[in-house]
Amino acid sequence: MFETIVIATDGSESARRAVDVALDLAERFDAEIHCLSVVDEGDVASSPERLRGEMADALEDRGQEAIDEVRESTDREVIASVQEGHPPSVIDEYARGVDADVVAMGTRGRHGENRFLIGSVAERVVRTCPVPVLTVRQLAAGEGDSALTGTPERAD
């Protein structure tokens, strides 16, 4: 069913949950894993001109750290890429380019709740990507991760 899975990550807690779910799918279906982190060109462009190079480098380093976290979470090979651009467009193009069967991503990333007001990357990817998108929401305080393990939560 799933031969190629693209994990889109920014290293946020929400993305971390999506990584766990995607790695579980990859294990179950013996799928190839691609991990993509996108440096948002808008974040770079909105920084002061004299700092743009440093900002781009710092965001690229953070993207590489997010990918390294994925690699550390699995024994499977992970094909990785850090790219700069408009995140929904880059994720869409990448998924098409590797003939992905699914894209996995968190619903809230590094920009947090304020992204809800202007439209999230996940929402745009869901609306525009021709590949199925698996979104994994960030847990609210007090919620457990039992859905990932299949263990029912107990109400004590």
N, C-alpha and C. Protein backbone atom coordinates (compact mmCIF):
# COMPACT_ATOMS: atom_id res chain seq x y z
N MET A 1 0.82 -1.18 0.00
CA MET A 1 0.00 0.00 0.00
C MET A 1 0.87 1.26 0.00
N PHE A 2 1.85 1.35 0.91
CA PHE A 2 2.76 2.49 0.96
C PHE A 2 4.16 2.00 0.60
N GLU A 3 4.67 2.49 -0.52
CA GLU A 3 6.04 2.14 -0.91
C GLU A 3 7.01 3.27 -0.62
N THR A 4 6.52 4.51 -0.72
CA THR A 4 7.36 5.69 -0.49
C THR A 4 6.61 6.67 0.40
N ILE A 5 7.23 6.99 1.54
CA ILE A 5 6.64 7.92 2.49
C ILE A 5 7.55 9.13 2.60
N VAL A 6 6.95 10.31 2.47
CA VAL A 6 7.68 11.56 2.68
C VAL A 6 7.26 12.11 4.04
N ILE A 7 8.25 12.36 4.88
CA ILE A 7 8.02 12.99 6.17
C ILE A 7 8.47 14.43 6.05
N ALA A 8 7.53 15.35 6.21
CA ALA A 8 7.86 16.77 6.20
C ALA A 8 8.00 17.21 7.65
N THR A 9 9.17 17.73 8.01
CA THR A 9 9.40 18.08 9.42
C THR A 9 10.12 19.40 9.58
N ASP A 10 9.79 20.07 10.67
CA ASP A 10 10.51 21.28 11.06
C ASP A 10 11.11 21.10 12.45
N GLY A 11 11.00 19.90 12.98
CA GLY A 11 11.55 19.62 14.29
C GLY A 11 10.65 19.98 15.45
N SER A 12 9.45 20.47 15.18
CA SER A 12 8.52 20.85 16.24
C SER A 12 7.93 19.61 16.90
N GLU A 13 7.27 19.81 18.03
CA GLU A 13 6.65 18.69 18.75
C GLU A 13 5.56 18.04 17.89
N SER A 14 4.78 18.83 17.19
CA SER A 14 3.75 18.29 16.32
C SER A 14 4.37 17.43 15.22
N ALA A 15 5.44 17.92 14.65
CA ALA A 15 6.13 17.16 13.60
C ALA A 15 6.72 15.87 14.18
N ARG A 16 7.17 15.92 15.41
CA ARG A 16 7.74 14.74 16.06
C ARG A 16 6.72 13.62 16.13
N ARG A 17 5.49 13.95 16.45
CA ARG A 17 4.43 12.93 16.49
C ARG A 17 4.19 12.37 15.09
N ALA A 18 4.21 13.23 14.07
CA ALA A 18 4.01 12.77 12.69
C ALA A 18 5.16 11.86 12.27
N VAL A 19 6.36 12.19 12.71
CA VAL A 19 7.52 11.34 12.41
C VAL A 19 7.29 9.94 12.98
N ASP A 20 6.86 9.87 14.23
CA ASP A 20 6.63 8.57 14.86
C ASP A 20 5.60 7.75 14.10
N VAL A 21 4.51 8.37 13.70
CA VAL A 21 3.46 7.67 12.96
C VAL A 21 3.99 7.22 11.60
N ALA A 22 4.71 8.11 10.90
CA ALA A 22 5.23 7.78 9.58
C ALA A 22 6.26 6.66 9.64
N LEU A 23 7.11 6.69 10.66
CA LEU A 23 8.11 5.61 10.79
C LEU A 23 7.44 4.28 11.09
N ASP A 24 6.36 4.31 11.85
CA ASP A 24 5.59 3.10 12.11
C ASP A 24 4.99 2.56 10.81
N LEU A 25 4.43 3.44 9.99
CA LEU A 25 3.90 3.02 8.69
C LEU A 25 5.00 2.45 7.80
N ALA A 26 6.13 3.11 7.79
CA ALA A 26 7.25 2.64 6.95
C ALA A 26 7.69 1.25 7.38
N GLU A 27 7.73 1.02 8.67
CA GLU A 27 8.11 -0.30 9.19
C GLU A 27 7.08 -1.35 8.79
N ARG A 28 5.81 -1.02 8.96
CA ARG A 28 4.75 -1.98 8.66
C ARG A 28 4.67 -2.35 7.18
N PHE A 29 4.95 -1.36 6.32
CA PHE A 29 4.82 -1.60 4.89
C PHE A 29 6.16 -1.72 4.18
N ASP A 30 7.25 -1.73 4.95
CA ASP A 30 8.60 -1.82 4.38
C ASP A 30 8.79 -0.73 3.31
N ALA A 31 8.38 0.48 3.65
CA ALA A 31 8.39 1.59 2.70
C ALA A 31 9.72 2.36 2.76
N GLU A 32 10.03 2.97 1.63
CA GLU A 32 11.18 3.87 1.55
C GLU A 32 10.81 5.17 2.27
N ILE A 33 11.74 5.70 3.05
CA ILE A 33 11.48 6.91 3.84
C ILE A 33 12.27 8.08 3.25
N HIS A 34 11.54 9.15 2.96
CA HIS A 34 12.15 10.42 2.56
C HIS A 34 11.81 11.42 3.65
N CYS A 35 12.79 12.18 4.06
CA CYS A 35 12.57 13.21 5.07
C CYS A 35 12.92 14.56 4.47
N LEU A 36 12.00 15.49 4.56
CA LEU A 36 12.15 16.80 3.94
C LEU A 36 11.95 17.88 5.00
N SER A 37 12.87 18.82 5.03
CA SER A 37 12.71 20.01 5.86
C SER A 37 12.85 21.21 4.96
N VAL A 38 11.93 22.16 5.09
CA VAL A 38 11.92 23.31 4.19
C VAL A 38 12.23 24.59 4.98
N VAL A 39 13.25 25.30 4.52
CA VAL A 39 13.56 26.62 5.04
C VAL A 39 12.59 27.58 4.36
N ASP A 40 11.73 28.20 5.16
CA ASP A 40 10.70 29.09 4.62
C ASP A 40 11.35 30.37 4.09
N GLU A 41 11.29 30.55 2.77
CA GLU A 41 11.89 31.73 2.16
C GLU A 41 11.28 33.02 2.70
N GLY A 42 10.05 32.96 3.15
CA GLY A 42 9.40 34.14 3.73
C GLY A 42 10.04 34.54 5.04
N ASP A 43 10.44 33.55 5.85
CA ASP A 43 11.13 33.85 7.11
C ASP A 43 12.47 34.52 6.83
N VAL A 44 13.16 34.05 5.82
CA VAL A 44 14.46 34.63 5.46
C VAL A 44 14.26 36.05 4.92
N ALA A 45 13.31 36.20 4.01
CA ALA A 45 13.08 37.50 3.37
C ALA A 45 12.60 38.55 4.36
N SER A 46 11.90 38.15 5.42
CA SER A 46 11.37 39.11 6.38
C SER A 46 12.40 39.55 7.41
N SER A 47 13.56 38.91 7.42
CA SER A 47 14.60 39.32 8.36
C SER A 47 15.37 40.50 7.77
N PRO A 48 16.04 41.27 8.63
CA PRO A 48 16.83 42.41 8.12
C PRO A 48 17.85 41.93 7.08
N GLU A 49 18.01 42.71 6.05
CA GLU A 49 18.86 42.31 4.93
C GLU A 49 20.25 41.87 5.37
N ARG A 50 20.83 42.57 6.32
CA ARG A 50 22.19 42.24 6.75
C ARG A 50 22.27 40.90 7.48
N LEU A 51 21.10 40.37 7.92
CA LEU A 51 21.08 39.11 8.66
C LEU A 51 20.54 37.94 7.85
N ARG A 52 20.14 38.18 6.62
CA ARG A 52 19.47 37.13 5.84
C ARG A 52 20.34 35.89 5.64
N GLY A 53 21.60 36.09 5.36
CA GLY A 53 22.49 34.94 5.17
C GLY A 53 22.60 34.10 6.44
N GLU A 54 22.77 34.79 7.56
CA GLU A 54 22.85 34.09 8.84
C GLU A 54 21.54 33.39 9.17
N MET A 55 20.44 34.08 8.89
CA MET A 55 19.12 33.50 9.15
C MET A 55 18.92 32.24 8.30
N ALA A 56 19.24 32.31 7.02
CA ALA A 56 19.10 31.15 6.14
C ALA A 56 19.97 29.99 6.63
N ASP A 57 21.20 30.29 7.04
CA ASP A 57 22.09 29.25 7.55
C ASP A 57 21.54 28.62 8.83
N ALA A 58 21.03 29.47 9.74
CA ALA A 58 20.49 28.96 11.00
C ALA A 58 19.26 28.08 10.76
N LEU A 59 18.39 28.51 9.85
CA LEU A 59 17.20 27.72 9.54
C LEU A 59 17.57 26.42 8.83
N GLU A 60 18.58 26.46 7.99
CA GLU A 60 19.04 25.23 7.33
C GLU A 60 19.64 24.28 8.36
N ASP A 61 20.40 24.81 9.31
CA ASP A 61 20.95 23.97 10.38
C ASP A 61 19.83 23.33 11.18
N ARG A 62 18.77 24.11 11.48
CA ARG A 62 17.64 23.56 12.23
C ARG A 62 16.93 22.47 11.43
N GLY A 63 16.83 22.67 10.13
CA GLY A 63 16.24 21.64 9.28
C GLY A 63 17.07 20.37 9.29
N GLN A 64 18.38 20.52 9.26
CA GLN A 64 19.26 19.35 9.30
C GLN A 64 19.16 18.64 10.65
N GLU A 65 19.03 19.42 11.73
CA GLU A 65 18.84 18.82 13.05
C GLU A 65 17.54 18.02 13.10
N ALA A 66 16.49 18.55 12.50
CA ALA A 66 15.20 17.84 12.46
C ALA A 66 15.35 16.52 11.70
N ILE A 67 16.07 16.55 10.60
CA ILE A 67 16.31 15.33 9.82
C ILE A 67 17.15 14.34 10.62
N ASP A 68 18.17 14.85 11.31
CA ASP A 68 19.01 13.98 12.14
C ASP A 68 18.18 13.29 13.22
N GLU A 69 17.21 14.01 13.78
CA GLU A 69 16.32 13.41 14.79
C GLU A 69 15.52 12.26 14.19
N VAL A 70 15.09 12.41 12.94
CA VAL A 70 14.36 11.34 12.27
C VAL A 70 15.29 10.15 12.07
N ARG A 71 16.50 10.40 11.59
CA ARG A 71 17.46 9.31 11.37
C ARG A 71 17.77 8.56 12.66
N GLU A 72 17.85 9.29 13.76
CA GLU A 72 18.14 8.66 15.06
C GLU A 72 16.96 7.83 15.57
N SER A 73 15.78 8.04 15.02
CA SER A 73 14.58 7.35 15.47
C SER A 73 14.30 6.05 14.74
N THR A 74 15.15 5.70 13.79
CA THR A 74 14.90 4.49 13.01
C THR A 74 16.22 3.83 12.60
N ASP A 75 16.13 2.54 12.37
CA ASP A 75 17.27 1.81 11.83
C ASP A 75 17.21 1.76 10.31
N ARG A 76 16.12 2.24 9.76
CA ARG A 76 15.92 2.21 8.32
C ARG A 76 16.68 3.36 7.66
N GLU A 77 16.99 3.18 6.38
CA GLU A 77 17.63 4.25 5.62
C GLU A 77 16.64 5.40 5.44
N VAL A 78 17.14 6.62 5.58
CA VAL A 78 16.33 7.82 5.40
C VAL A 78 16.99 8.68 4.33
N ILE A 79 16.28 8.91 3.26
CA ILE A 79 16.75 9.81 2.20
C ILE A 79 16.31 11.20 2.60
N ALA A 80 17.26 12.13 2.72
CA ALA A 80 16.94 13.43 3.32
C ALA A 80 17.26 14.59 2.40
N SER A 81 16.52 15.67 2.63
CA SER A 81 16.73 16.89 1.87
C SER A 81 16.29 18.09 2.69
N VAL A 82 17.13 19.13 2.69
CA VAL A 82 16.75 20.43 3.23
C VAL A 82 16.70 21.36 2.03
N GLN A 83 15.54 22.00 1.84
CA GLN A 83 15.37 22.89 0.69
C GLN A 83 14.81 24.22 1.16
N GLU A 84 15.07 25.26 0.39
CA GLU A 84 14.52 26.57 0.70
C GLU A 84 13.43 26.90 -0.30
N GLY A 85 12.36 27.52 0.19
CA GLY A 85 11.27 27.93 -0.69
C GLY A 85 10.00 28.15 0.09
N HIS A 86 8.90 28.12 -0.62
CA HIS A 86 7.57 28.24 -0.02
C HIS A 86 7.19 26.82 0.43
N PRO A 87 7.11 26.55 1.74
CA PRO A 87 6.96 25.17 2.21
C PRO A 87 5.89 24.34 1.52
N PRO A 88 4.65 24.80 1.36
CA PRO A 88 3.67 23.93 0.70
C PRO A 88 4.08 23.56 -0.73
N SER A 89 4.64 24.50 -1.46
CA SER A 89 5.06 24.23 -2.85
C SER A 89 6.22 23.25 -2.90
N VAL A 90 7.19 23.43 -1.99
CA VAL A 90 8.35 22.55 -1.97
C VAL A 90 7.93 21.13 -1.60
N ILE A 91 7.07 21.01 -0.59
CA ILE A 91 6.59 19.68 -0.17
C ILE A 91 5.85 19.01 -1.32
N ASP A 92 4.99 19.74 -1.99
CA ASP A 92 4.22 19.24 -3.14
C ASP A 92 5.17 18.75 -4.24
N GLU A 93 6.11 19.59 -4.63
CA GLU A 93 7.06 19.22 -5.69
C GLU A 93 7.90 18.01 -5.31
N TYR A 94 8.37 18.00 -4.07
CA TYR A 94 9.20 16.88 -3.62
C TYR A 94 8.41 15.58 -3.65
N ALA A 95 7.19 15.61 -3.13
CA ALA A 95 6.35 14.40 -3.11
C ALA A 95 6.10 13.88 -4.52
N ARG A 96 5.84 14.79 -5.44
CA ARG A 96 5.65 14.38 -6.84
C ARG A 96 6.94 13.79 -7.42
N GLY A 97 8.05 14.45 -7.10
CA GLY A 97 9.34 14.04 -7.66
C GLY A 97 9.79 12.66 -7.25
N VAL A 98 9.42 12.24 -6.03
CA VAL A 98 9.82 10.91 -5.57
C VAL A 98 8.69 9.90 -5.70
N ASP A 99 7.60 10.32 -6.34
CA ASP A 99 6.43 9.47 -6.52
C ASP A 99 5.94 8.91 -5.19
N ALA A 100 5.77 9.81 -4.22
CA ALA A 100 5.36 9.42 -2.87
C ALA A 100 3.95 8.86 -2.86
N ASP A 101 3.72 7.94 -1.96
CA ASP A 101 2.38 7.39 -1.74
C ASP A 101 1.65 8.16 -0.66
N VAL A 102 2.39 8.81 0.22
CA VAL A 102 1.80 9.61 1.29
C VAL A 102 2.84 10.61 1.81
N VAL A 103 2.33 11.75 2.25
CA VAL A 103 3.15 12.76 2.94
C VAL A 103 2.64 12.81 4.37
N ALA A 104 3.54 12.69 5.33
CA ALA A 104 3.16 12.77 6.75
C ALA A 104 3.72 14.06 7.33
N MET A 105 2.87 14.78 8.07
CA MET A 105 3.32 16.03 8.68
C MET A 105 2.45 16.39 9.87
N GLY A 106 3.00 17.21 10.74
CA GLY A 106 2.26 17.71 11.89
C GLY A 106 1.32 18.83 11.47
N THR A 107 0.36 19.12 12.32
CA THR A 107 -0.60 20.16 11.99
C THR A 107 -0.21 21.53 12.51
N ARG A 108 0.71 21.58 13.45
CA ARG A 108 1.21 22.87 13.93
C ARG A 108 2.70 22.77 14.03
N GLY A 109 3.38 23.73 13.43
CA GLY A 109 4.83 23.69 13.44
C GLY A 109 5.44 24.75 14.32
N ARG A 110 6.60 25.18 13.91
CA ARG A 110 7.38 26.13 14.70
C ARG A 110 6.69 27.47 14.88
N HIS A 111 5.78 27.83 14.02
CA HIS A 111 5.13 29.13 14.14
C HIS A 111 3.99 29.11 15.15
N GLY A 112 3.63 27.94 15.62
CA GLY A 112 2.65 27.83 16.70
C GLY A 112 1.25 28.25 16.32
N GLU A 113 0.53 28.69 17.31
CA GLU A 113 -0.89 28.97 17.16
C GLU A 113 -1.19 30.15 16.23
N ASN A 114 -0.28 31.13 16.14
CA ASN A 114 -0.58 32.29 15.29
C ASN A 114 -0.72 31.89 13.83
N ARG A 115 -0.17 30.75 13.43
CA ARG A 115 -0.32 30.27 12.06
C ARG A 115 -1.78 29.96 11.75
N PHE A 116 -2.53 29.60 12.78
CA PHE A 116 -3.94 29.28 12.58
C PHE A 116 -4.68 30.47 11.96
N LEU A 117 -4.29 31.65 12.33
CA LEU A 117 -4.99 32.84 11.86
C LEU A 117 -4.72 33.14 10.39
N ILE A 118 -3.56 32.73 9.89
CA ILE A 118 -3.21 33.07 8.51
C ILE A 118 -3.14 31.84 7.60
N GLY A 119 -3.43 30.68 8.13
CA GLY A 119 -3.43 29.48 7.32
C GLY A 119 -2.16 28.68 7.51
N SER A 120 -2.27 27.44 7.87
CA SER A 120 -1.10 26.63 8.18
C SER A 120 -0.52 25.98 6.93
N VAL A 121 0.73 25.60 7.06
CA VAL A 121 1.40 24.87 5.98
C VAL A 121 0.67 23.56 5.73
N ALA A 122 0.31 22.86 6.82
CA ALA A 122 -0.38 21.58 6.66
C ALA A 122 -1.69 21.74 5.90
N GLU A 123 -2.43 22.76 6.22
CA GLU A 123 -3.70 22.99 5.53
C GLU A 123 -3.48 23.21 4.04
N ARG A 124 -2.49 24.00 3.71
CA ARG A 124 -2.21 24.28 2.29
C ARG A 124 -1.74 23.02 1.56
N VAL A 125 -0.93 22.22 2.23
CA VAL A 125 -0.47 20.98 1.60
C VAL A 125 -1.65 20.05 1.38
N VAL A 126 -2.52 19.93 2.36
CA VAL A 126 -3.71 19.08 2.22
C VAL A 126 -4.55 19.52 1.03
N ARG A 127 -4.69 20.84 0.88
CA ARG A 127 -5.54 21.36 -0.20
C ARG A 127 -4.90 21.26 -1.58
N THR A 128 -3.59 21.29 -1.67
CA THR A 128 -2.96 21.40 -2.99
C THR A 128 -2.17 20.18 -3.44
N CYS A 129 -1.72 19.37 -2.53
CA CYS A 129 -0.85 18.24 -2.89
C CYS A 129 -1.68 17.12 -3.53
N PRO A 130 -1.23 16.60 -4.66
CA PRO A 130 -1.97 15.51 -5.31
C PRO A 130 -1.75 14.16 -4.62
N VAL A 131 -0.83 14.12 -3.68
CA VAL A 131 -0.52 12.90 -2.94
C VAL A 131 -1.31 12.94 -1.63
N PRO A 132 -1.83 11.81 -1.15
CA PRO A 132 -2.52 11.81 0.14
C PRO A 132 -1.61 12.36 1.24
N VAL A 133 -2.20 13.13 2.14
CA VAL A 133 -1.45 13.76 3.23
C VAL A 133 -2.00 13.25 4.56
N LEU A 134 -1.11 12.70 5.36
CA LEU A 134 -1.46 12.24 6.69
C LEU A 134 -1.03 13.33 7.67
N THR A 135 -2.01 13.98 8.29
CA THR A 135 -1.68 15.00 9.28
C THR A 135 -1.86 14.41 10.67
N VAL A 136 -0.93 14.76 11.55
CA VAL A 136 -0.95 14.27 12.92
C VAL A 136 -0.97 15.49 13.82
N ARG A 137 -2.02 15.61 14.60
CA ARG A 137 -2.17 16.81 15.41
C ARG A 137 -1.30 16.75 16.65
N GLN A 138 -0.97 17.94 17.13
CA GLN A 138 -0.22 18.06 18.37
C GLN A 138 -1.17 17.76 19.52
N LEU A 139 -0.70 17.02 20.50
CA LEU A 139 -1.53 16.70 21.65
C LEU A 139 -1.72 17.90 22.55
N ALA A 140 -2.90 17.99 23.12
CA ALA A 140 -3.16 19.02 24.13
C ALA A 140 -2.56 18.54 25.45
N ALA A 141 -2.35 19.46 26.36
CA ALA A 141 -1.82 19.10 27.67
C ALA A 141 -2.70 18.03 28.30
N GLY A 142 -2.08 16.99 28.81
CA GLY A 142 -2.83 15.94 29.48
C GLY A 142 -3.24 14.79 28.59
N GLU A 143 -3.15 14.96 27.28
CA GLU A 143 -3.48 13.86 26.37
C GLU A 143 -2.28 12.93 26.27
N GLY A 144 -2.54 11.64 26.14
CA GLY A 144 -1.47 10.67 26.01
C GLY A 144 -1.21 10.32 24.57
N ASP A 145 -0.19 9.54 24.35
CA ASP A 145 0.19 9.10 23.01
C ASP A 145 -0.25 7.67 22.75
N SER A 146 -1.30 7.21 23.42
CA SER A 146 -1.72 5.82 23.29
C SER A 146 -2.18 5.46 21.89
N ALA A 147 -2.62 6.43 21.13
CA ALA A 147 -3.06 6.14 19.76
C ALA A 147 -1.92 5.60 18.92
N LEU A 148 -0.70 6.04 19.22
CA LEU A 148 0.46 5.57 18.47
C LEU A 148 0.82 4.15 18.83
N THR A 149 0.60 3.76 20.08
CA THR A 149 1.01 2.44 20.53
C THR A 149 -0.12 1.43 20.49
N GLY A 150 -1.35 1.92 20.31
CA GLY A 150 -2.49 1.02 20.29
C GLY A 150 -2.97 0.65 21.69
N THR A 151 -2.37 1.27 22.70
CA THR A 151 -2.75 1.00 24.07
C THR A 151 -3.84 1.96 24.50
N PRO A 152 -4.96 1.46 24.98
CA PRO A 152 -6.02 2.39 25.40
C PRO A 152 -5.57 3.18 26.62
N GLU A 153 -6.00 4.44 26.65
CA GLU A 153 -5.70 5.28 27.82
C GLU A 153 -6.63 4.92 28.93
N ARG A 154 -6.12 4.99 30.14
CA ARG A 154 -6.94 4.70 31.30
C ARG A 154 -7.33 5.99 31.97
N ALA A 155 -8.57 6.07 32.36
CA ALA A 155 -9.04 7.22 33.14
C ALA A 155 -8.99 6.82 34.60
N ASP A 156 -8.03 7.35 35.33
CA ASP A 156 -7.88 7.00 36.76
C ASP A 156 -8.60 7.98 37.62
